[in-house]
PDB file of N, CA and C in Angstrom:
ATOM      1  N   MET A   1       0.841  -1.192   0.000  1.00  0.00           N
ATOM      2  CA  MET A   1       0.000   0.000   0.000  1.00  0.00           C
ATOM      3  C   MET A   1       0.876   1.241   0.000  1.00  0.00           C
ATOM      4  N   THR A   2       0.339   2.248  -0.562  1.00  0.00           N
ATOM      5  CA  THR A   2       1.083   3.504  -0.617  1.00  0.00           C
ATOM      6  C   THR A   2       0.865   4.278   0.671  1.00  0.00           C
ATOM      7  N   PRO A   3       1.795   5.149   1.004  1.00  0.00           N
ATOM      8  CA  PRO A   3       1.649   5.945   2.226  1.00  0.00           C
ATOM      9  C   PRO A   3       0.385   6.813   2.245  1.00  0.00           C
ATOM     10  N   ALA A   4      -0.069   7.239   1.087  1.00  0.00           N
ATOM     11  CA  ALA A   4      -1.279   8.077   1.044  1.00  0.00           C
ATOM     12  C   ALA A   4      -2.500   7.276   1.491  1.00  0.00           C
ATOM     13  N   LYS A   5      -2.580   6.020   1.054  1.00  0.00           N
ATOM     14  CA  LYS A   5      -3.708   5.178   1.471  1.00  0.00           C
ATOM     15  C   LYS A   5      -3.654   4.878   2.961  1.00  0.00           C
ATOM     16  N   VAL A   6      -2.441   4.647   3.455  1.00  0.00           N
ATOM     17  CA  VAL A   6      -2.279   4.378   4.881  1.00  0.00           C
ATOM     18  C   VAL A   6      -2.690   5.600   5.689  1.00  0.00           C
ATOM     19  N   ARG A   7      -2.283   6.784   5.240  1.00  0.00           N
ATOM     20  CA  ARG A   7      -2.627   8.019   5.950  1.00  0.00           C
ATOM     21  C   ARG A   7      -4.137   8.251   5.947  1.00  0.00           C
ATOM     22  N   LEU A   8      -4.798   7.986   4.821  1.00  0.00           N
ATOM     23  CA  LEU A   8      -6.249   8.176   4.741  1.00  0.00           C
ATOM     24  C   LEU A   8      -6.975   7.205   5.672  1.00  0.00           C
ATOM     25  N   ARG A   9      -6.525   5.963   5.711  1.00  0.00           N
ATOM     26  CA  ARG A   9      -7.145   5.006   6.625  1.00  0.00           C
ATOM     27  C   ARG A   9      -6.896   5.383   8.075  1.00  0.00           C
ATOM     28  N   ASN A  10      -5.711   5.888   8.355  1.00  0.00           N
ATOM     29  CA  ASN A  10      -5.381   6.302   9.709  1.00  0.00           C
ATOM     30  C   ASN A  10      -6.269   7.459  10.145  1.00  0.00           C
ATOM     31  N   GLU A  11      -6.466   8.434   9.282  1.00  0.00           N
ATOM     32  CA  GLU A  11      -7.331   9.566   9.610  1.00  0.00           C
ATOM     33  C   GLU A  11      -8.785   9.138   9.773  1.00  0.00           C
ATOM     34  N   LYS A  12      -9.195   8.177   8.953  1.00  0.00           N
ATOM     35  CA  LYS A  12     -10.582   7.717   9.006  1.00  0.00           C
ATOM     36  C   LYS A  12     -10.898   7.026  10.327  1.00  0.00           C
ATOM     37  N   HIS A  13      -9.944   6.240  10.834  1.00  0.00           N
ATOM     38  CA  HIS A  13     -10.200   5.438  12.024  1.00  0.00           C
ATOM     39  C   HIS A  13      -9.547   5.992  13.286  1.00  0.00           C
ATOM     40  N   SER A  14      -8.954   7.163  13.228  1.00  0.00           N
ATOM     41  CA  SER A  14      -8.254   7.700  14.396  1.00  0.00           C
ATOM     42  C   SER A  14      -9.210   8.072  15.524  1.00  0.00           C
ATOM     43  N   SER A  15     -10.443   8.390  15.213  1.00  0.00           N
ATOM     44  CA  SER A  15     -11.389   8.756  16.271  1.00  0.00           C
ATOM     45  C   SER A  15     -11.830   7.543  17.091  1.00  0.00           C
ATOM     46  N   ASN A  16     -11.628   6.336  16.569  1.00  0.00           N
ATOM     47  CA  ASN A  16     -12.023   5.133  17.302  1.00  0.00           C
ATOM     48  C   ASN A  16     -11.130   4.870  18.510  1.00  0.00           C
ATOM     49  N   ILE A  17      -9.929   5.422  18.525  1.00  0.00           N
ATOM     50  CA  ILE A  17      -9.006   5.162  19.627  1.00  0.00           C
ATOM     51  C   ILE A  17      -9.556   5.725  20.923  1.00  0.00           C
ATOM     52  N   THR A  18     -10.152   6.904  20.874  1.00  0.00           N
ATOM     53  CA  THR A  18     -10.683   7.513  22.092  1.00  0.00           C
ATOM     54  C   THR A  18     -12.018   6.912  22.496  1.00  0.00           C
ATOM     55  N   LYS A  19     -12.674   6.178  21.615  1.00  0.00           N
ATOM     56  CA  LYS A  19     -13.971   5.576  21.914  1.00  0.00           C
ATOM     57  C   LYS A  19     -13.866   4.130  22.360  1.00  0.00           C
ATOM     58  N   ARG A  20     -12.665   3.645  22.564  1.00  0.00           N
ATOM     59  CA  ARG A  20     -12.446   2.242  22.879  1.00  0.00           C
ATOM     60  C   ARG A  20     -13.142   1.872  24.195  1.00  0.00           C
ATOM     61  N   GLY A  21     -13.991   0.864  24.180  1.00  0.00           N
ATOM     62  CA  GLY A  21     -14.706   0.402  25.361  1.00  0.00           C
ATOM     63  C   GLY A  21     -16.051   1.066  25.572  1.00  0.00           C
ATOM     64  N   ASN A  22     -16.345   2.123  24.860  1.00  0.00           N
ATOM     65  CA  ASN A  22     -17.615   2.832  25.002  1.00  0.00           C
ATOM     66  C   ASN A  22     -18.559   2.426  23.877  1.00  0.00           C
ATOM     67  N   VAL A  23     -19.111   1.242  24.000  1.00  0.00           N
ATOM     68  CA  VAL A  23     -20.005   0.726  22.976  1.00  0.00           C
ATOM     69  C   VAL A  23     -21.422   1.165  23.311  1.00  0.00           C
ATOM     70  N   PRO A  24     -22.157   1.710  22.351  1.00  0.00           N
ATOM     71  CA  PRO A  24     -23.543   2.087  22.629  1.00  0.00           C
ATOM     72  C   PRO A  24     -24.381   0.860  22.987  1.00  0.00           C
ATOM     73  N   THR A  25     -25.389   1.067  23.798  1.00  0.00           N
ATOM     74  CA  THR A  25     -26.201  -0.062  24.254  1.00  0.00           C
ATOM     75  C   THR A  25     -27.026  -0.667  23.130  1.00  0.00           C
ATOM     76  N   SER A  26     -27.232   0.055  22.047  1.00  0.00           N
ATOM     77  CA  SER A  26     -28.026  -0.504  20.958  1.00  0.00           C
ATOM     78  C   SER A  26     -27.276  -1.603  20.217  1.00  0.00           C
ATOM     79  N   THR A  27     -25.948  -1.548  20.186  1.00  0.00           N
ATOM     80  CA  THR A  27     -25.168  -2.579  19.504  1.00  0.00           C
ATOM     81  C   THR A  27     -24.671  -3.653  20.457  1.00  0.00           C
ATOM     82  N   ARG A  28     -24.777  -3.398  21.736  1.00  0.00           N
ATOM     83  CA  ARG A  28     -24.316  -4.352  22.734  1.00  0.00           C
ATOM     84  C   ARG A  28     -25.355  -5.453  22.921  1.00  0.00           C
ATOM     85  N   ILE A  29     -24.915  -6.685  22.989  1.00  0.00           N
ATOM     86  CA  ILE A  29     -25.821  -7.816  23.197  1.00  0.00           C
ATOM     87  C   ILE A  29     -25.995  -8.001  24.703  1.00  0.00           C
ATOM     88  N   VAL A  30     -27.201  -7.734  25.179  1.00  0.00           N
ATOM     89  CA  VAL A  30     -27.493  -7.859  26.601  1.00  0.00           C
ATOM     90  C   VAL A  30     -28.309  -9.119  26.793  1.00  0.00           C
ATOM     91  N   ARG A  31     -27.752 -10.048  27.553  1.00  0.00           N
ATOM     92  CA  ARG A  31     -28.455 -11.306  27.814  1.00  0.00           C
ATOM     93  C   ARG A  31     -28.797 -11.370  29.292  1.00  0.00           C
ATOM     94  N   ASP A  32     -30.054 -11.306  29.559  1.00  0.00           N
ATOM     95  CA  ASP A  32     -30.533 -11.417  30.928  1.00  0.00           C
ATOM     96  C   ASP A  32     -31.441 -12.638  30.995  1.00  0.00           C
ATOM     97  N   ASP A  33     -30.861 -13.796  30.674  1.00  0.00           N
ATOM     98  CA  ASP A  33     -31.639 -15.020  30.612  1.00  0.00           C
ATOM     99  C   ASP A  33     -31.830 -15.658  31.978  1.00  0.00           C
ATOM    100  N   GLY A  34     -31.110 -15.197  32.965  1.00  0.00           N
ATOM    101  CA  GLY A  34     -31.201 -15.823  34.278  1.00  0.00           C
ATOM    102  C   GLY A  34     -30.162 -16.913  34.402  1.00  0.00           C
ATOM    103  N   TYR A  35     -30.597 -18.092  34.834  1.00  0.00           N
ATOM    104  CA  TYR A  35     -29.671 -19.200  35.035  1.00  0.00           C
ATOM    105  C   TYR A  35     -29.256 -19.815  33.707  1.00  0.00           C
ATOM    106  N   LYS A  36     -28.038 -20.334  33.676  1.00  0.00           N
ATOM    107  CA  LYS A  36     -27.539 -20.958  32.458  1.00  0.00           C
ATOM    108  C   LYS A  36     -28.007 -22.406  32.348  1.00  0.00           C
ATOM    109  N   VAL A  37     -28.332 -23.034  33.483  1.00  0.00           N
ATOM    110  CA  VAL A  37     -28.833 -24.409  33.468  1.00  0.00           C
ATOM    111  C   VAL A  37     -30.281 -24.401  33.934  1.00  0.00           C
ATOM    112  N   GLY A  38     -31.025 -25.369  33.472  1.00  0.00           N
ATOM    113  CA  GLY A  38     -32.427 -25.452  33.835  1.00  0.00           C
ATOM    114  C   GLY A  38     -32.620 -26.000  35.235  1.00  0.00           C
ATOM    115  N   PRO A  39     -33.818 -25.894  35.767  1.00  0.00           N
ATOM    116  CA  PRO A  39     -34.065 -26.365  37.127  1.00  0.00           C
ATOM    117  C   PRO A  39     -33.944 -27.883  37.261  1.00  0.00           C
ATOM    118  N   ILE A  40     -34.230 -28.623  36.202  1.00  0.00           N
ATOM    119  CA  ILE A  40     -34.127 -30.085  36.276  1.00  0.00           C
ATOM    120  C   ILE A  40     -32.661 -30.503  36.375  1.00  0.00           C
ATOM    121  N   VAL A  41     -31.822 -29.902  35.559  1.00  0.00           N
ATOM    122  CA  VAL A  41     -30.390 -30.217  35.600  1.00  0.00           C
ATOM    123  C   VAL A  41     -29.809 -29.814  36.944  1.00  0.00           C
ATOM    124  N   LEU A  42     -30.218 -28.672  37.455  1.00  0.00           N
ATOM    125  CA  LEU A  42     -29.749 -28.215  38.756  1.00  0.00           C
ATOM    126  C   LEU A  42     -30.188 -29.168  39.855  1.00  0.00           C
ATOM    127  N   GLY A  43     -31.417 -29.670  39.771  1.00  0.00           N
ATOM    128  CA  GLY A  43     -31.902 -30.634  40.750  1.00  0.00           C
ATOM    129  C   GLY A  43     -31.147 -31.951  40.703  1.00  0.00           C
ATOM    130  N   VAL A  44     -30.826 -32.424  39.501  1.00  0.00           N
ATOM    131  CA  VAL A  44     -30.073 -33.673  39.370  1.00  0.00           C
ATOM    132  C   VAL A  44     -28.673 -33.510  39.942  1.00  0.00           C
ATOM    133  N   LEU A  45     -28.027 -32.392  39.650  1.00  0.00           N
ATOM    134  CA  LEU A  45     -26.694 -32.156  40.204  1.00  0.00           C
ATOM    135  C   LEU A  45     -26.733 -32.069  41.731  1.00  0.00           C
ATOM    136  N   PHE A  46     -27.721 -31.379  42.265  1.00  0.00           N
ATOM    137  CA  PHE A  46     -27.868 -31.265  43.709  1.00  0.00           C
ATOM    138  C   PHE A  46     -28.099 -32.642  44.330  1.00  0.00           C
ATOM    139  N   PHE A  47     -28.942 -33.453  43.696  1.00  0.00           N
ATOM    140  CA  PHE A  47     -29.221 -34.799  44.190  1.00  0.00           C
ATOM    141  C   PHE A  47     -27.953 -35.647  44.194  1.00  0.00           C
ATOM    142  N   LEU A  48     -27.164 -35.569  43.138  1.00  0.00           N
ATOM    143  CA  LEU A  48     -25.943 -36.365  43.061  1.00  0.00           C
ATOM    144  C   LEU A  48     -24.919 -35.939  44.112  1.00  0.00           C
ATOM    145  N   ILE A  49     -24.755 -34.655  44.306  1.00  0.00           N
ATOM    146  CA  ILE A  49     -23.753 -34.171  45.254  1.00  0.00           C
ATOM    147  C   ILE A  49     -24.164 -34.469  46.683  1.00  0.00           C
ATOM    148  N   VAL A  50     -25.405 -34.142  47.027  1.00  0.00           N
ATOM    149  CA  VAL A  50     -25.872 -34.386  48.394  1.00  0.00           C
ATOM    150  C   VAL A  50     -25.996 -35.886  48.657  1.00  0.00           C
ATOM    151  N   GLY A  51     -26.477 -36.634  47.671  1.00  0.00           N
ATOM    152  CA  GLY A  51     -26.616 -38.083  47.845  1.00  0.00           C
ATOM    153  C   GLY A  51     -25.278 -38.768  48.039  1.00  0.00           C
ATOM    154  N   SER A  52     -24.274 -38.360  47.289  1.00  0.00           N
ATOM    155  CA  SER A  52     -22.962 -38.980  47.459  1.00  0.00           C
ATOM    156  C   SER A  52     -22.350 -38.600  48.803  1.00  0.00           C
ATOM    157  N   ALA A  53     -22.595 -37.387  49.271  1.00  0.00           N
ATOM    158  CA  ALA A  53     -22.086 -36.986  50.584  1.00  0.00           C
ATOM    159  C   ALA A  53     -22.749 -37.809  51.692  1.00  0.00           C
ATOM    160  N   ILE A  54     -24.045 -38.026  51.586  1.00  0.00           N
ATOM    161  CA  ILE A  54     -24.754 -38.833  52.596  1.00  0.00           C
ATOM    162  C   ILE A  54     -24.262 -40.271  52.565  1.00  0.00           C
ATOM    163  N   LEU A  55     -24.060 -40.831  51.382  1.00  0.00           N
ATOM    164  CA  LEU A  55     -23.542 -42.197  51.281  1.00  0.00           C
ATOM    165  C   LEU A  55     -22.141 -42.318  51.864  1.00  0.00           C
ATOM    166  N   GLU A  56     -21.308 -41.331  51.680  1.00  0.00           N
ATOM    167  CA  GLU A  56     -19.966 -41.362  52.263  1.00  0.00           C
ATOM    168  C   GLU A  56     -20.027 -41.311  53.779  1.00  0.00           C
ATOM    169  N   VAL A  57     -20.930 -40.520  54.334  1.00  0.00           N
ATOM    170  CA  VAL A  57     -21.080 -40.450  55.789  1.00  0.00           C
ATOM    171  C   VAL A  57     -21.565 -41.794  56.319  1.00  0.00           C
ATOM    172  N   LEU A  58     -22.542 -42.393  55.645  1.00  0.00           N
ATOM    173  CA  LEU A  58     -23.055 -43.695  56.087  1.00  0.00           C
ATOM    174  C   LEU A  58     -21.992 -44.784  55.950  1.00  0.00           C
ATOM    175  N   ARG A  59     -21.224 -44.760  54.882  1.00  0.00           N
ATOM    176  CA  ARG A  59     -20.169 -45.747  54.679  1.00  0.00           C
ATOM    177  C   ARG A  59     -19.082 -45.594  55.736  1.00  0.00           C
ATOM    178  N   GLY A  60     -18.756 -44.359  56.070  1.00  0.00           N
ATOM    179  CA  GLY A  60     -17.761 -44.113  57.115  1.00  0.00           C
ATOM    180  C   GLY A  60     -18.246 -44.574  58.471  1.00  0.00           C
ATOM    181  N   ALA A  61     -19.527 -44.380  58.772  1.00  0.00           N
ATOM    182  CA  ALA A  61     -20.074 -44.813  60.055  1.00  0.00           C
ATOM    183  C   ALA A  61     -20.178 -46.337  60.110  1.00  0.00           C
ATOM    184  N   GLN A  62     -20.439 -46.971  58.993  1.00  0.00           N
ATOM    185  CA  GLN A  62     -20.596 -48.416  58.957  1.00  0.00           C
ATOM    186  C   GLN A  62     -19.258 -49.138  59.138  1.00  0.00           C
ATOM    187  N   PHE A  63     -18.214 -48.625  58.522  1.00  0.00           N
ATOM    188  CA  PHE A  63     -16.926 -49.295  58.582  1.00  0.00           C
ATOM    189  C   PHE A  63     -16.035 -48.767  59.697  1.00  0.00           C
ATOM    190  N   GLY A  64     -16.526 -47.913  60.507  1.00  0.00           N
ATOM    191  CA  GLY A  64     -15.820 -47.516  61.716  1.00  0.00           C
ATOM    192  C   GLY A  64     -14.812 -46.405  61.570  1.00  0.00           C
ATOM    193  N   GLY A  65     -15.107 -45.418  60.845  1.00  0.00           N
ATOM    194  CA  GLY A  65     -14.230 -44.256  60.837  1.00  0.00           C
ATOM    195  C   GLY A  65     -13.796 -43.820  59.464  1.00  0.00           C
ATOM    196  N   LEU A  66     -12.989 -42.801  59.500  1.00  0.00           N
ATOM    197  CA  LEU A  66     -12.530 -42.206  58.255  1.00  0.00           C
ATOM    198  C   LEU A  66     -11.229 -42.770  57.901  1.00  0.00           C
TER     199      LEU A  66
END
C-alpha cells in the first residue's frame, strides 16, 4: 500500500481510539436469561452431590471411621 492510502485510513479510524470500550447499548448484546442451566439439571446435580455426601457419611459410620 502507498503511504497516502495508509494516511487516509489512519485519519478515518483515528477517532475510534478515544472511543475504545464505550459501545452504545443498541449494539451491545445484553443477555438477561437468568440461570444458564435449567431447574431439572440443577436438581439432578444437587441430588448427586448431596446423595454422594450422605452415602460417604453412612459408609464411614458403617466401617468404623474415616
